[in-house]
Amino acid sequence: VSPLRGAVRFNVEKIMILGTRQLPVFSDPEALRNGDIAFAH
């Protein structure tokens, strides 16, 4: 629930986070409408 809790508890003043996902951009998935959705998805 709180990935940064340890850093906060160890009294750091700055936290650099290296993520692994692009900032999500939400749009209408028109091309996927009315199609099937795979288990892998």
ModelCIF file with pLDDT and N, C-alpha, C, O atoms, coordinates in Angstrom:
data_MODEL
#
_entry.id   MODEL 
#
_entity.id                         1 
_entity.type                       polymer 
_entity.pdbx_number_of_molecules   1 
#
_entity_poly.entity_id                      1 
_entity_poly.type                           'polypeptide(L)' 
_entity_poly.nstd_linkage                   no 
_entity_poly.nstd_monomer                   no 
_entity_poly.pdbx_seq_one_letter_code       VSPLRGAVRFNVEKIMILGTRQLPVFSDPEALRNGDIAFAH 
_entity_poly.pdbx_seq_one_letter_code_can   VSPLRGAVRFNVEKIMILGTRQLPVFSDPEALRNGDIAFAH 
_entity_poly.pdbx_strand_id                 A 
#
loop_
_entity_poly_seq.entity_id 
_entity_poly_seq.num 
_entity_poly_seq.mon_id 
_entity_poly_seq.hetero 
1 1  VAL n 
1 2  SER n 
1 3  PRO n 
1 4  LEU n 
1 5  ARG n 
1 6  GLY n 
1 7  ALA n 
1 8  VAL n 
1 9  ARG n 
1 10 PHE n 
1 11 ASN n 
1 12 VAL n 
1 13 GLU n 
1 14 LYS n 
1 15 ILE n 
1 16 MET n 
1 17 ILE n 
1 18 LEU n 
1 19 GLY n 
1 20 THR n 
1 21 ARG n 
1 22 GLN n 
1 23 LEU n 
1 24 PRO n 
1 25 VAL n 
1 26 PHE n 
1 27 SER n 
1 28 ASP n 
1 29 PRO n 
1 30 GLU n 
1 31 ALA n 
1 32 LEU n 
1 33 ARG n 
1 34 ASN n 
1 35 GLY n 
1 36 ASP n 
1 37 ILE n 
1 38 ALA n 
1 39 PHE n 
1 40 ALA n 
1 41 HIS n 
#
_struct_asym.id          A 
_struct_asym.entity_id   1 
#
loop_
_ma_qa_metric.id 
_ma_qa_metric.mode 
_ma_qa_metric.name 
_ma_qa_metric.software_group_id 
_ma_qa_metric.type 
1 global pLDDT . pLDDT 
2 local  pLDDT . pLDDT 
#
_ma_qa_metric_global.metric_id      1 
_ma_qa_metric_global.metric_value   74.76 
_ma_qa_metric_global.model_id       1 
_ma_qa_metric_global.ordinal_id     1 
#
loop_
_ma_qa_metric_local.label_asym_id 
_ma_qa_metric_local.label_comp_id 
_ma_qa_metric_local.label_seq_id 
_ma_qa_metric_local.metric_id 
_ma_qa_metric_local.metric_value 
_ma_qa_metric_local.model_id 
_ma_qa_metric_local.ordinal_id 
A VAL 1  2 82.00 1 1  
A SER 2  2 86.00 1 2  
A PRO 3  2 89.00 1 3  
A LEU 4  2 90.00 1 4  
A ARG 5  2 90.00 1 5  
A GLY 6  2 92.00 1 6  
A ALA 7  2 91.00 1 7  
A VAL 8  2 89.00 1 8  
A ARG 9  2 90.00 1 9  
A PHE 10 2 91.00 1 10 
A ASN 11 2 89.00 1 11 
A VAL 12 2 93.00 1 12 
A GLU 13 2 92.00 1 13 
A LYS 14 2 95.00 1 14 
A ILE 15 2 95.00 1 15 
A MET 16 2 97.00 1 16 
A ILE 17 2 95.00 1 17 
A LEU 18 2 96.00 1 18 
A GLY 19 2 90.00 1 19 
A THR 20 2 88.00 1 20 
A ARG 21 2 83.00 1 21 
A GLN 22 2 79.00 1 22 
A LEU 23 2 70.00 1 23 
A PRO 24 2 62.00 1 24 
A VAL 25 2 61.00 1 25 
A PHE 26 2 55.00 1 26 
A SER 27 2 57.00 1 27 
A ASP 28 2 55.00 1 28 
A PRO 29 2 57.00 1 29 
A GLU 30 2 59.00 1 30 
A ALA 31 2 54.00 1 31 
A LEU 32 2 52.00 1 32 
A ARG 33 2 58.00 1 33 
A ASN 34 2 53.00 1 34 
A GLY 35 2 56.00 1 35 
A ASP 36 2 57.00 1 36 
A ILE 37 2 57.00 1 37 
A ALA 38 2 55.00 1 38 
A PHE 39 2 54.00 1 39 
A ALA 40 2 53.00 1 40 
A HIS 41 2 58.00 1 41 
#
loop_
_atom_site.group_PDB 
_atom_site.id 
_atom_site.type_symbol 
_atom_site.label_atom_id 
_atom_site.label_alt_id 
_atom_site.label_comp_id 
_atom_site.label_asym_id 
_atom_site.label_entity_id 
_atom_site.label_seq_id 
_atom_site.pdbx_PDB_ins_code 
_atom_site.Cartn_x 
_atom_site.Cartn_y 
_atom_site.Cartn_z 
_atom_site.occupancy 
_atom_site.B_iso_or_equiv 
_atom_site.pdbx_formal_charge 
_atom_site.auth_seq_id 
_atom_site.auth_comp_id 
_atom_site.auth_asym_id 
_atom_site.auth_atom_id 
_atom_site.pdbx_PDB_model_num 
ATOM 1   N N  . VAL A 1 1  ? 0.827   -1.205  0.000   1.00 82.00 ? 1  VAL A N  1 
ATOM 2   C CA . VAL A 1 1  ? 0.000   0.000   0.000   1.00 82.00 ? 1  VAL A CA 1 
ATOM 3   C C  . VAL A 1 1  ? 0.863   1.258   0.000   1.00 82.00 ? 1  VAL A C  1 
ATOM 4   O O  . VAL A 1 1  ? 0.513   2.255   -0.630  1.00 82.00 ? 1  VAL A O  1 
ATOM 5   N N  . SER A 1 2  ? 1.989   1.209   0.706   1.00 86.00 ? 2  SER A N  1 
ATOM 6   C CA . SER A 1 2  ? 2.822   2.396   0.852   1.00 86.00 ? 2  SER A CA 1 
ATOM 7   C C  . SER A 1 2  ? 4.282   2.059   0.555   1.00 86.00 ? 2  SER A C  1 
ATOM 8   O O  . SER A 1 2  ? 5.050   1.801   1.482   1.00 86.00 ? 2  SER A O  1 
ATOM 9   N N  . PRO A 1 3  ? 4.684   2.055   -0.730  1.00 89.00 ? 3  PRO A N  1 
ATOM 10  C CA . PRO A 1 3  ? 6.045   1.669   -1.100  1.00 89.00 ? 3  PRO A CA 1 
ATOM 11  C C  . PRO A 1 3  ? 7.137   2.531   -0.477  1.00 89.00 ? 3  PRO A C  1 
ATOM 12  O O  . PRO A 1 3  ? 8.250   2.055   -0.252  1.00 89.00 ? 3  PRO A O  1 
ATOM 13  N N  . LEU A 1 4  ? 6.827   3.797   -0.196  1.00 90.00 ? 4  LEU A N  1 
ATOM 14  C CA . LEU A 1 4  ? 7.843   4.724   0.305   1.00 90.00 ? 4  LEU A CA 1 
ATOM 15  C C  . LEU A 1 4  ? 7.878   4.801   1.828   1.00 90.00 ? 4  LEU A C  1 
ATOM 16  O O  . LEU A 1 4  ? 8.599   5.625   2.391   1.00 90.00 ? 4  LEU A O  1 
ATOM 17  N N  . ARG A 1 5  ? 7.114   3.959   2.489   1.00 90.00 ? 5  ARG A N  1 
ATOM 18  C CA . ARG A 1 5  ? 7.039   4.022   3.949   1.00 90.00 ? 5  ARG A CA 1 
ATOM 19  C C  . ARG A 1 5  ? 8.406   3.829   4.599   1.00 90.00 ? 5  ARG A C  1 
ATOM 20  O O  . ARG A 1 5  ? 8.749   4.526   5.553   1.00 90.00 ? 5  ARG A O  1 
ATOM 21  N N  . GLY A 1 6  ? 9.186   2.875   4.076   1.00 92.00 ? 6  GLY A N  1 
ATOM 22  C CA . GLY A 1 6  ? 10.495  2.626   4.658   1.00 92.00 ? 6  GLY A CA 1 
ATOM 23  C C  . GLY A 1 6  ? 11.379  3.856   4.590   1.00 92.00 ? 6  GLY A C  1 
ATOM 24  O O  . GLY A 1 6  ? 12.031  4.209   5.572   1.00 92.00 ? 6  GLY A O  1 
ATOM 25  N N  . ALA A 1 7  ? 11.405  4.510   3.436   1.00 91.00 ? 7  ALA A N  1 
ATOM 26  C CA . ALA A 1 7  ? 12.221  5.718   3.283   1.00 91.00 ? 7  ALA A CA 1 
ATOM 27  C C  . ALA A 1 7  ? 11.777  6.801   4.258   1.00 91.00 ? 7  ALA A C  1 
ATOM 28  O O  . ALA A 1 7  ? 12.614  7.493   4.839   1.00 91.00 ? 7  ALA A O  1 
ATOM 29  N N  . VAL A 1 8  ? 10.467  6.954   4.443   1.00 89.00 ? 8  VAL A N  1 
ATOM 30  C CA . VAL A 1 8  ? 9.951   7.948   5.386   1.00 89.00 ? 8  VAL A CA 1 
ATOM 31  C C  . VAL A 1 8  ? 10.367  7.589   6.804   1.00 89.00 ? 8  VAL A C  1 
ATOM 32  O O  . VAL A 1 8  ? 10.784  8.458   7.571   1.00 89.00 ? 8  VAL A O  1 
ATOM 33  N N  . ARG A 1 9  ? 10.256  6.313   7.155   1.00 90.00 ? 9  ARG A N  1 
ATOM 34  C CA . ARG A 1 9  ? 10.616  5.875   8.511   1.00 90.00 ? 9  ARG A CA 1 
ATOM 35  C C  . ARG A 1 9  ? 12.106  6.029   8.795   1.00 90.00 ? 9  ARG A C  1 
ATOM 36  O O  . ARG A 1 9  ? 12.508  6.220   9.943   1.00 90.00 ? 9  ARG A O  1 
ATOM 37  N N  . PHE A 1 10 ? 12.917  5.947   7.755   1.00 91.00 ? 10 PHE A N  1 
ATOM 38  C CA . PHE A 1 10 ? 14.358  6.098   7.949   1.00 91.00 ? 10 PHE A CA 1 
ATOM 39  C C  . PHE A 1 10 ? 14.799  7.567   7.882   1.00 91.00 ? 10 PHE A C  1 
ATOM 40  O O  . PHE A 1 10 ? 15.986  7.875   7.777   1.00 91.00 ? 10 PHE A O  1 
ATOM 41  N N  . ASN A 1 11 ? 13.814  8.452   7.944   1.00 89.00 ? 11 ASN A N  1 
ATOM 42  C CA . ASN A 1 11 ? 14.067  9.890   8.124   1.00 89.00 ? 11 ASN A CA 1 
ATOM 43  C C  . ASN A 1 11 ? 14.890  10.521  7.000   1.00 89.00 ? 11 ASN A C  1 
ATOM 44  O O  . ASN A 1 11 ? 15.755  11.361  7.247   1.00 89.00 ? 11 ASN A O  1 
ATOM 45  N N  . VAL A 1 12 ? 14.607  10.106  5.764   1.00 93.00 ? 12 VAL A N  1 
ATOM 46  C CA . VAL A 1 12 ? 15.274  10.768  4.648   1.00 93.00 ? 12 VAL A CA 1 
ATOM 47  C C  . VAL A 1 12 ? 14.533  12.059  4.322   1.00 93.00 ? 12 VAL A C  1 
ATOM 48  O O  . VAL A 1 12 ? 13.363  12.221  4.669   1.00 93.00 ? 12 VAL A O  1 
ATOM 49  N N  . GLU A 1 13 ? 15.225  12.968  3.656   1.00 92.00 ? 13 GLU A N  1 
ATOM 50  C CA . GLU A 1 13 ? 14.630  14.254  3.299   1.00 92.00 ? 13 GLU A CA 1 
ATOM 51  C C  . GLU A 1 13 ? 14.252  14.333  1.821   1.00 92.00 ? 13 GLU A C  1 
ATOM 52  O O  . GLU A 1 13 ? 13.428  15.158  1.425   1.00 92.00 ? 13 GLU A O  1 
ATOM 53  N N  . LYS A 1 14 ? 14.869  13.456  1.001   1.00 95.00 ? 14 LYS A N  1 
ATOM 54  C CA . LYS A 1 14 ? 14.563  13.427  -0.418  1.00 95.00 ? 14 LYS A CA 1 
ATOM 55  C C  . LYS A 1 14 ? 14.510  11.967  -0.880  1.00 95.00 ? 14 LYS A C  1 
ATOM 56  O O  . LYS A 1 14 ? 15.292  11.134  -0.422  1.00 95.00 ? 14 LYS A O  1 
ATOM 57  N N  . ILE A 1 15 ? 13.585  11.671  -1.785  1.00 95.00 ? 15 ILE A N  1 
ATOM 58  C CA . ILE A 1 15 ? 13.459  10.318  -2.330  1.00 95.00 ? 15 ILE A CA 1 
ATOM 59  C C  . ILE A 1 15 ? 13.458  10.399  -3.853  1.00 95.00 ? 15 ILE A C  1 
ATOM 60  O O  . ILE A 1 15 ? 12.624  11.076  -4.454  1.00 95.00 ? 15 ILE A O  1 
ATOM 61  N N  . MET A 1 16 ? 14.408  9.696   -4.463  1.00 97.00 ? 16 MET A N  1 
ATOM 62  C CA . MET A 1 16 ? 14.394  9.544   -5.918  1.00 97.00 ? 16 MET A CA 1 
ATOM 63  C C  . MET A 1 16 ? 13.788  8.195   -6.247  1.00 97.00 ? 16 MET A C  1 
ATOM 64  O O  . MET A 1 16 ? 14.238  7.167   -5.740  1.00 97.00 ? 16 MET A O  1 
ATOM 65  N N  . ILE A 1 17 ? 12.770  8.192   -7.093  1.00 95.00 ? 17 ILE A N  1 
ATOM 66  C CA . ILE A 1 17 ? 12.076  6.965   -7.478  1.00 95.00 ? 17 ILE A CA 1 
ATOM 67  C C  . ILE A 1 17 ? 12.376  6.667   -8.936  1.00 95.00 ? 17 ILE A C  1 
ATOM 68  O O  . ILE A 1 17 ? 12.150  7.509   -9.805  1.00 95.00 ? 17 ILE A O  1 
ATOM 69  N N  . LEU A 1 18 ? 12.884  5.472   -9.204  1.00 96.00 ? 18 LEU A N  1 
ATOM 70  C CA . LEU A 1 18 ? 13.085  5.038   -10.580 1.00 96.00 ? 18 LEU A CA 1 
ATOM 71  C C  . LEU A 1 18 ? 11.973  4.057   -10.927 1.00 96.00 ? 18 LEU A C  1 
ATOM 72  O O  . LEU A 1 18 ? 12.007  2.898   -10.511 1.00 96.00 ? 18 LEU A O  1 
ATOM 73  N N  . GLY A 1 19 ? 11.000  4.517   -11.678 1.00 90.00 ? 19 GLY A N  1 
ATOM 74  C CA . GLY A 1 19 ? 9.855   3.697   -12.049 1.00 90.00 ? 19 GLY A CA 1 
ATOM 75  C C  . GLY A 1 19 ? 10.111  2.913   -13.322 1.00 90.00 ? 19 GLY A C  1 
ATOM 76  O O  . GLY A 1 19 ? 11.170  3.030   -13.939 1.00 90.00 ? 19 GLY A O  1 
ATOM 77  N N  . THR A 1 20 ? 9.133   2.116   -13.704 1.00 88.00 ? 20 THR A N  1 
ATOM 78  C CA . THR A 1 20 ? 9.286   1.269   -14.895 1.00 88.00 ? 20 THR A CA 1 
ATOM 79  C C  . THR A 1 20 ? 8.065   1.351   -15.808 1.00 88.00 ? 20 THR A C  1 
ATOM 80  O O  . THR A 1 20 ? 7.853   0.483   -16.655 1.00 88.00 ? 20 THR A O  1 
ATOM 81  N N  . ARG A 1 21 ? 7.260   2.410   -15.627 1.00 83.00 ? 21 ARG A N  1 
ATOM 82  C CA . ARG A 1 21 ? 6.106   2.563   -16.517 1.00 83.00 ? 21 ARG A CA 1 
ATOM 83  C C  . ARG A 1 21 ? 5.953   4.020   -16.924 1.00 83.00 ? 21 ARG A C  1 
ATOM 84  O O  . ARG A 1 21 ? 6.135   4.931   -16.115 1.00 83.00 ? 21 ARG A O  1 
ATOM 85  N N  . GLN A 1 22 ? 5.620   4.220   -18.169 1.00 79.00 ? 22 GLN A N  1 
ATOM 86  C CA . GLN A 1 22 ? 5.334   5.553   -18.693 1.00 79.00 ? 22 GLN A CA 1 
ATOM 87  C C  . GLN A 1 22 ? 4.153   6.155   -17.941 1.00 79.00 ? 22 GLN A C  1 
ATOM 88  O O  . GLN A 1 22 ? 3.258   5.435   -17.500 1.00 79.00 ? 22 GLN A O  1 
ATOM 89  N N  . LEU A 1 23 ? 4.155   7.468   -17.798 1.00 70.00 ? 23 LEU A N  1 
ATOM 90  C CA . LEU A 1 23 ? 3.011   8.141   -17.193 1.00 70.00 ? 23 LEU A CA 1 
ATOM 91  C C  . LEU A 1 23 ? 1.762   7.795   -17.990 1.00 70.00 ? 23 LEU A C  1 
ATOM 92  O O  . LEU A 1 23 ? 1.721   8.056   -19.193 1.00 70.00 ? 23 LEU A O  1 
ATOM 93  N N  . PRO A 1 24 ? 0.735   7.210   -17.357 1.00 62.00 ? 24 PRO A N  1 
ATOM 94  C CA . PRO A 1 24 ? -0.451  6.782   -18.108 1.00 62.00 ? 24 PRO A CA 1 
ATOM 95  C C  . PRO A 1 24 ? -1.147  7.949   -18.795 1.00 62.00 ? 24 PRO A C  1 
ATOM 96  O O  . PRO A 1 24 ? -1.316  9.025   -18.222 1.00 62.00 ? 24 PRO A O  1 
ATOM 97  N N  . VAL A 1 25 ? -1.540  7.705   -20.026 1.00 61.00 ? 25 VAL A N  1 
ATOM 98  C CA . VAL A 1 25 ? -2.335  8.666   -20.783 1.00 61.00 ? 25 VAL A CA 1 
ATOM 99  C C  . VAL A 1 25 ? -3.658  7.990   -21.110 1.00 61.00 ? 25 VAL A C  1 
ATOM 100 O O  . VAL A 1 25 ? -3.695  7.007   -21.851 1.00 61.00 ? 25 VAL A O  1 
ATOM 101 N N  . PHE A 1 26 ? -4.732  8.513   -20.559 1.00 55.00 ? 26 PHE A N  1 
ATOM 102 C CA . PHE A 1 26 ? -6.027  7.871   -20.722 1.00 55.00 ? 26 PHE A CA 1 
ATOM 103 C C  . PHE A 1 26 ? -6.775  8.494   -21.901 1.00 55.00 ? 26 PHE A C  1 
ATOM 104 O O  . PHE A 1 26 ? -6.943  9.711   -21.985 1.00 55.00 ? 26 PHE A O  1 
ATOM 105 N N  . SER A 1 27 ? -7.215  7.629   -22.801 1.00 57.00 ? 27 SER A N  1 
ATOM 106 C CA . SER A 1 27 ? -7.973  8.080   -23.974 1.00 57.00 ? 27 SER A CA 1 
ATOM 107 C C  . SER A 1 27 ? -9.028  7.034   -24.307 1.00 57.00 ? 27 SER A C  1 
ATOM 108 O O  . SER A 1 27 ? -9.008  5.923   -23.778 1.00 57.00 ? 27 SER A O  1 
ATOM 109 N N  . ASP A 1 28 ? -9.927  7.396   -25.169 1.00 55.00 ? 28 ASP A N  1 
ATOM 110 C CA . ASP A 1 28 ? -10.989 6.485   -25.568 1.00 55.00 ? 28 ASP A CA 1 
ATOM 111 C C  . ASP A 1 28 ? -10.411 5.397   -26.482 1.00 55.00 ? 28 ASP A C  1 
ATOM 112 O O  . ASP A 1 28 ? -9.981  5.704   -27.594 1.00 55.00 ? 28 ASP A O  1 
ATOM 113 N N  . PRO A 1 29 ? -10.393 4.121   -26.035 1.00 57.00 ? 29 PRO A N  1 
ATOM 114 C CA . PRO A 1 29 ? -9.800  3.043   -26.853 1.00 57.00 ? 29 PRO A CA 1 
ATOM 115 C C  . PRO A 1 29 ? -10.744 2.593   -27.960 1.00 57.00 ? 29 PRO A C  1 
ATOM 116 O O  . PRO A 1 29 ? -11.225 1.460   -27.962 1.00 57.00 ? 29 PRO A O  1 
ATOM 117 N N  . GLU A 1 30 ? -11.001 3.492   -28.894 1.00 59.00 ? 30 GLU A N  1 
ATOM 118 C CA . GLU A 1 30 ? -11.994 3.227   -29.940 1.00 59.00 ? 30 GLU A CA 1 
ATOM 119 C C  . GLU A 1 30 ? -11.670 1.967   -30.730 1.00 59.00 ? 30 GLU A C  1 
ATOM 120 O O  . GLU A 1 30 ? -12.562 1.200   -31.092 1.00 59.00 ? 30 GLU A O  1 
ATOM 121 N N  . ALA A 1 31 ? -10.379 1.762   -30.991 1.00 54.00 ? 31 ALA A N  1 
ATOM 122 C CA . ALA A 1 31 ? -9.996  0.612   -31.821 1.00 54.00 ? 31 ALA A CA 1 
ATOM 123 C C  . ALA A 1 31 ? -10.267 -0.727  -31.123 1.00 54.00 ? 31 ALA A C  1 
ATOM 124 O O  . ALA A 1 31 ? -10.358 -1.765  -31.779 1.00 54.00 ? 31 ALA A O  1 
ATOM 125 N N  . LEU A 1 32 ? -10.396 -0.697  -29.792 1.00 52.00 ? 32 LEU A N  1 
ATOM 126 C CA . LEU A 1 32 ? -10.590 -1.949  -29.048 1.00 52.00 ? 32 LEU A CA 1 
ATOM 127 C C  . LEU A 1 32 ? -12.055 -2.203  -28.701 1.00 52.00 ? 32 LEU A C  1 
ATOM 128 O O  . LEU A 1 32 ? -12.384 -3.240  -28.123 1.00 52.00 ? 32 LEU A O  1 
ATOM 129 N N  . ARG A 1 33 ? -12.921 -1.278  -29.044 1.00 58.00 ? 33 ARG A N  1 
ATOM 130 C CA . ARG A 1 33 ? -14.331 -1.449  -28.674 1.00 58.00 ? 33 ARG A CA 1 
ATOM 131 C C  . ARG A 1 33 ? -14.936 -2.673  -29.367 1.00 58.00 ? 33 ARG A C  1 
ATOM 132 O O  . ARG A 1 33 ? -14.643 -2.977  -30.523 1.00 58.00 ? 33 ARG A O  1 
ATOM 133 N N  . ASN A 1 34 ? -15.803 -3.367  -28.597 1.00 53.00 ? 34 ASN A N  1 
ATOM 134 C CA . ASN A 1 34 ? -16.566 -4.512  -29.100 1.00 53.00 ? 34 ASN A CA 1 
ATOM 135 C C  . ASN A 1 34 ? -15.684 -5.693  -29.517 1.00 53.00 ? 34 ASN A C  1 
ATOM 136 O O  . ASN A 1 34 ? -16.150 -6.603  -30.203 1.00 53.00 ? 34 ASN A O  1 
ATOM 137 N N  . GLY A 1 35 ? -14.425 -5.679  -29.110 1.00 56.00 ? 35 GLY A N  1 
ATOM 138 C CA . GLY A 1 35 ? -13.544 -6.805  -29.414 1.00 56.00 ? 35 GLY A CA 1 
ATOM 139 C C  . GLY A 1 35 ? -13.424 -7.739  -28.228 1.00 56.00 ? 35 GLY A C  1 
ATOM 140 O O  . GLY A 1 35 ? -13.991 -7.482  -27.166 1.00 56.00 ? 35 GLY A O  1 
ATOM 141 N N  . ASP A 1 36 ? -12.682 -8.829  -28.408 1.00 57.00 ? 36 ASP A N  1 
ATOM 142 C CA . ASP A 1 36 ? -12.425 -9.756  -27.313 1.00 57.00 ? 36 ASP A CA 1 
ATOM 143 C C  . ASP A 1 36 ? -11.244 -9.248  -26.494 1.00 57.00 ? 36 ASP A C  1 
ATOM 144 O O  . ASP A 1 36 ? -10.413 -8.477  -26.973 1.00 57.00 ? 36 ASP A O  1 
ATOM 145 N N  . ILE A 1 37 ? -11.196 -9.701  -25.253 1.00 57.00 ? 37 ILE A N  1 
ATOM 146 C CA . ILE A 1 37 ? -10.055 -9.362  -24.409 1.00 57.00 ? 37 ILE A CA 1 
ATOM 147 C C  . ILE A 1 37 ? -9.384  -10.663 -23.973 1.00 57.00 ? 37 ILE A C  1 
ATOM 148 O O  . ILE A 1 37 ? -10.033 -11.550 -23.419 1.00 57.00 ? 37 ILE A O  1 
ATOM 149 N N  . ALA A 1 38 ? -8.088  -10.766 -24.224 1.00 55.00 ? 38 ALA A N  1 
ATOM 150 C CA . ALA A 1 38 ? -7.361  -12.001 -23.958 1.00 55.00 ? 38 ALA A CA 1 
ATOM 151 C C  . ALA A 1 38 ? -7.014  -12.124 -22.478 1.00 55.00 ? 38 ALA A C  1 
ATOM 152 O O  . ALA A 1 38 ? -6.944  -11.136 -21.747 1.00 55.00 ? 38 ALA A O  1 
ATOM 153 N N  . PHE A 1 39 ? -6.797  -13.382 -22.060 1.00 54.00 ? 39 PHE A N  1 
ATOM 154 C CA . PHE A 1 39 ? -6.399  -13.654 -20.677 1.00 54.00 ? 39 PHE A CA 1 
ATOM 155 C C  . PHE A 1 39 ? -5.096  -12.925 -20.350 1.00 54.00 ? 39 PHE A C  1 
ATOM 156 O O  . PHE A 1 39 ? -4.931  -12.408 -19.246 1.00 54.00 ? 39 PHE A O  1 
ATOM 157 N N  . ALA A 1 40 ? -4.164  -12.885 -21.320 1.00 53.00 ? 40 ALA A N  1 
ATOM 158 C CA . ALA A 1 40 ? -2.877  -12.228 -21.092 1.00 53.00 ? 40 ALA A CA 1 
ATOM 159 C C  . ALA A 1 40 ? -3.051  -10.738 -20.828 1.00 53.00 ? 40 ALA A C  1 
ATOM 160 O O  . ALA A 1 40 ? -2.291  -10.145 -20.063 1.00 53.00 ? 40 ALA A O  1 
ATOM 161 N N  . HIS A 1 41 ? -4.057  -10.134 -21.465 1.00 58.00 ? 41 HIS A N  1 
ATOM 162 C CA . HIS A 1 41 ? -4.319  -8.711  -21.251 1.00 58.00 ? 41 HIS A CA 1 
ATOM 163 C C  . HIS A 1 41 ? -4.770  -8.476  -19.810 1.00 58.00 ? 41 HIS A C  1 
ATOM 164 O O  . HIS A 1 41 ? -5.041  -7.338  -19.426 1.00 58.00 ? 41 HIS A O  1 
#
